[in-house]
Amino acid sequence: MAELTGSPGFAPPNPEHTLTRRHAAMIELVATLALTVSLVVAATAVSMGQKSMAHSAFIERANAQIPVARD
């Protein structure tokens, strides 16, 4: 009959395996935070660009309506 390798029954988790899980979880957390910050920066840039375009369009329309005095 073949001998069993390892410990039979319930065994505590391998400390190296737990460290690897914690390391992976920390990497995922950092990546999630970086993605969140990038999303906020991109949304801010887009909204500022839209506001700038709307403001310049308003100025162009206002300038088009000003009558020019001719001598």
N, C-alpha and C. Protein backbone atom coordinates (compact mmCIF):
# COMPACT_ATOMS: atom_id res chain seq x y z
N MET A 1 0.84 -1.17 0.00
CA MET A 1 0.00 0.00 0.00
C MET A 1 0.89 1.24 0.00
N ALA A 2 0.45 2.30 -0.68
CA ALA A 2 1.24 3.52 -0.78
C ALA A 2 1.14 4.33 0.50
N GLU A 3 2.24 4.95 0.84
CA GLU A 3 2.24 5.79 2.05
C GLU A 3 1.70 7.17 1.70
N LEU A 4 1.00 7.77 2.65
CA LEU A 4 0.48 9.11 2.45
C LEU A 4 1.60 10.12 2.65
N THR A 5 1.59 11.13 1.82
CA THR A 5 2.57 12.20 2.00
C THR A 5 1.84 13.40 2.60
N GLY A 6 2.51 14.18 3.37
CA GLY A 6 1.87 15.32 4.01
C GLY A 6 1.20 14.89 5.30
N SER A 7 0.39 15.77 5.85
CA SER A 7 -0.28 15.43 7.10
C SER A 7 -1.74 15.13 6.84
N PRO A 8 -2.23 14.04 7.32
CA PRO A 8 -3.64 13.70 7.13
C PRO A 8 -4.52 14.55 8.05
N GLY A 9 -5.74 14.76 7.64
CA GLY A 9 -6.66 15.52 8.47
C GLY A 9 -6.52 17.02 8.23
N PHE A 10 -6.94 17.78 9.21
CA PHE A 10 -6.89 19.23 9.08
C PHE A 10 -5.53 19.73 9.52
N ALA A 11 -4.92 20.52 8.70
CA ALA A 11 -3.60 21.06 9.00
C ALA A 11 -3.68 22.59 8.89
N PRO A 12 -2.90 23.29 9.68
CA PRO A 12 -2.89 24.75 9.56
C PRO A 12 -2.32 25.14 8.20
N PRO A 13 -2.73 26.31 7.68
CA PRO A 13 -2.23 26.72 6.38
C PRO A 13 -0.72 26.95 6.41
N ASN A 14 -0.13 26.68 5.30
CA ASN A 14 1.30 26.87 5.15
C ASN A 14 1.61 28.37 5.24
N PRO A 15 2.52 28.81 6.12
CA PRO A 15 2.80 30.25 6.26
C PRO A 15 3.28 30.89 4.95
N GLU A 16 4.02 30.16 4.14
CA GLU A 16 4.48 30.71 2.87
C GLU A 16 3.31 30.96 1.93
N HIS A 17 2.33 30.04 1.95
CA HIS A 17 1.16 30.18 1.11
C HIS A 17 0.32 31.38 1.55
N THR A 18 0.19 31.59 2.86
CA THR A 18 -0.56 32.72 3.40
C THR A 18 0.12 34.03 3.02
N LEU A 19 1.44 34.07 3.09
CA LEU A 19 2.18 35.26 2.73
C LEU A 19 1.97 35.58 1.25
N THR A 20 1.95 34.57 0.42
CA THR A 20 1.73 34.76 -1.01
C THR A 20 0.33 35.34 -1.26
N ARG A 21 -0.66 34.84 -0.54
CA ARG A 21 -2.02 35.37 -0.69
C ARG A 21 -2.08 36.83 -0.25
N ARG A 22 -1.43 37.15 0.86
CA ARG A 22 -1.43 38.54 1.33
C ARG A 22 -0.72 39.45 0.34
N HIS A 23 0.36 38.95 -0.23
CA HIS A 23 1.12 39.73 -1.21
C HIS A 23 0.25 40.01 -2.44
N ALA A 24 -0.44 38.99 -2.91
CA ALA A 24 -1.32 39.15 -4.07
C ALA A 24 -2.48 40.10 -3.75
N ALA A 25 -3.03 40.00 -2.55
CA ALA A 25 -4.12 40.88 -2.16
C ALA A 25 -3.64 42.33 -2.08
N MET A 26 -2.43 42.55 -1.60
CA MET A 26 -1.89 43.91 -1.52
C MET A 26 -1.66 44.48 -2.92
N ILE A 27 -1.17 43.66 -3.83
CA ILE A 27 -0.96 44.12 -5.21
C ILE A 27 -2.29 44.49 -5.85
N GLU A 28 -3.33 43.68 -5.61
CA GLU A 28 -4.65 43.98 -6.15
C GLU A 28 -5.20 45.27 -5.57
N LEU A 29 -4.98 45.50 -4.28
CA LEU A 29 -5.46 46.72 -3.63
C LEU A 29 -4.77 47.95 -4.21
N VAL A 30 -3.46 47.88 -4.40
CA VAL A 30 -2.71 48.99 -4.97
C VAL A 30 -3.17 49.26 -6.40
N ALA A 31 -3.39 48.21 -7.17
CA ALA A 31 -3.85 48.37 -8.55
C ALA A 31 -5.24 49.00 -8.59
N THR A 32 -6.11 48.60 -7.69
CA THR A 32 -7.46 49.17 -7.64
C THR A 32 -7.41 50.65 -7.28
N LEU A 33 -6.58 51.00 -6.31
CA LEU A 33 -6.44 52.41 -5.93
C LEU A 33 -5.86 53.24 -7.08
N ALA A 34 -4.87 52.71 -7.77
CA ALA A 34 -4.28 53.43 -8.90
C ALA A 34 -5.31 53.62 -10.02
N LEU A 35 -6.12 52.62 -10.27
CA LEU A 35 -7.15 52.73 -11.29
C LEU A 35 -8.20 53.77 -10.89
N THR A 36 -8.55 53.81 -9.61
CA THR A 36 -9.51 54.79 -9.13
C THR A 36 -8.99 56.22 -9.29
N VAL A 37 -7.73 56.43 -8.92
CA VAL A 37 -7.13 57.75 -9.06
C VAL A 37 -7.06 58.15 -10.53
N SER A 38 -6.69 57.23 -11.39
CA SER A 38 -6.63 57.51 -12.83
C SER A 38 -8.00 57.89 -13.39
N LEU A 39 -9.03 57.20 -12.93
CA LEU A 39 -10.38 57.49 -13.39
C LEU A 39 -10.81 58.88 -12.95
N VAL A 40 -10.49 59.26 -11.72
CA VAL A 40 -10.85 60.61 -11.23
C VAL A 40 -10.11 61.67 -12.04
N VAL A 41 -8.83 61.46 -12.31
CA VAL A 41 -8.05 62.42 -13.09
C VAL A 41 -8.62 62.55 -14.50
N ALA A 42 -8.95 61.44 -15.13
CA ALA A 42 -9.49 61.47 -16.48
C ALA A 42 -10.85 62.17 -16.51
N ALA A 43 -11.71 61.89 -15.55
CA ALA A 43 -13.02 62.53 -15.50
C ALA A 43 -12.88 64.03 -15.29
N THR A 44 -11.94 64.44 -14.46
CA THR A 44 -11.70 65.86 -14.22
C THR A 44 -11.21 66.54 -15.49
N ALA A 45 -10.28 65.91 -16.19
CA ALA A 45 -9.75 66.49 -17.43
C ALA A 45 -10.84 66.63 -18.48
N VAL A 46 -11.70 65.64 -18.61
CA VAL A 46 -12.77 65.69 -19.60
C VAL A 46 -13.77 66.79 -19.24
N SER A 47 -14.14 66.88 -17.97
CA SER A 47 -15.11 67.90 -17.60
C SER A 47 -14.53 69.30 -17.75
N MET A 48 -13.25 69.48 -17.46
CA MET A 48 -12.62 70.79 -17.65
C MET A 48 -12.55 71.13 -19.14
N GLY A 49 -12.28 70.16 -19.97
CA GLY A 49 -12.24 70.38 -21.42
C GLY A 49 -13.60 70.77 -21.96
N GLN A 50 -14.64 70.09 -21.48
CA GLN A 50 -15.99 70.43 -21.93
C GLN A 50 -16.37 71.84 -21.47
N LYS A 51 -16.00 72.18 -20.25
CA LYS A 51 -16.31 73.51 -19.74
C LYS A 51 -15.57 74.57 -20.55
N SER A 52 -14.32 74.30 -20.89
CA SER A 52 -13.53 75.24 -21.68
C SER A 52 -14.12 75.41 -23.07
N MET A 53 -14.55 74.32 -23.68
CA MET A 53 -15.15 74.40 -25.01
C MET A 53 -16.46 75.17 -24.96
N ALA A 54 -17.27 74.94 -23.94
CA ALA A 54 -18.54 75.64 -23.81
C ALA A 54 -18.29 77.13 -23.59
N HIS A 55 -17.28 77.46 -22.80
CA HIS A 55 -16.96 78.86 -22.53
C HIS A 55 -16.46 79.56 -23.80
N SER A 56 -15.61 78.90 -24.57
CA SER A 56 -15.11 79.52 -25.81
C SER A 56 -16.21 79.65 -26.84
N ALA A 57 -17.14 78.71 -26.89
CA ALA A 57 -18.27 78.82 -27.82
C ALA A 57 -19.16 79.99 -27.41
N PHE A 58 -19.35 80.21 -26.11
CA PHE A 58 -20.14 81.33 -25.63
C PHE A 58 -19.49 82.66 -26.02
N ILE A 59 -18.18 82.74 -25.88
CA ILE A 59 -17.45 83.96 -26.24
C ILE A 59 -17.56 84.21 -27.74
N GLU A 60 -17.45 83.18 -28.56
CA GLU A 60 -17.55 83.33 -30.01
C GLU A 60 -18.95 83.83 -30.40
N ARG A 61 -19.99 83.29 -29.76
CA ARG A 61 -21.35 83.72 -30.05
C ARG A 61 -21.56 85.17 -29.60
N ALA A 62 -21.00 85.53 -28.46
CA ALA A 62 -21.14 86.89 -27.96
C ALA A 62 -20.43 87.87 -28.89
N ASN A 63 -19.26 87.52 -29.37
CA ASN A 63 -18.53 88.39 -30.28
C ASN A 63 -19.24 88.53 -31.63
N ALA A 64 -19.93 87.49 -32.04
CA ALA A 64 -20.62 87.54 -33.33
C ALA A 64 -21.83 88.47 -33.26
N GLN A 65 -22.38 88.70 -32.09
CA GLN A 65 -23.58 89.52 -31.95
C GLN A 65 -23.26 91.01 -31.71
N ILE A 66 -22.03 91.34 -31.45
CA ILE A 66 -21.66 92.73 -31.20
C ILE A 66 -21.60 93.47 -32.53
N PRO A 67 -22.38 94.54 -32.67
CA PRO A 67 -22.33 95.29 -33.93
C PRO A 67 -21.01 96.06 -34.05
N VAL A 68 -20.52 96.12 -35.24
CA VAL A 68 -19.26 96.81 -35.51
C VAL A 68 -19.60 98.19 -36.07
N ALA A 69 -19.03 99.26 -35.49
CA ALA A 69 -19.28 100.61 -35.97
C ALA A 69 -18.48 100.86 -37.23
N ARG A 70 -19.14 101.36 -38.27
CA ARG A 70 -18.45 101.67 -39.54
C ARG A 70 -18.42 103.17 -39.73
N ASP A 71 -17.31 103.66 -40.14
CA ASP A 71 -17.18 105.10 -40.39
C ASP A 71 -17.44 105.43 -41.82
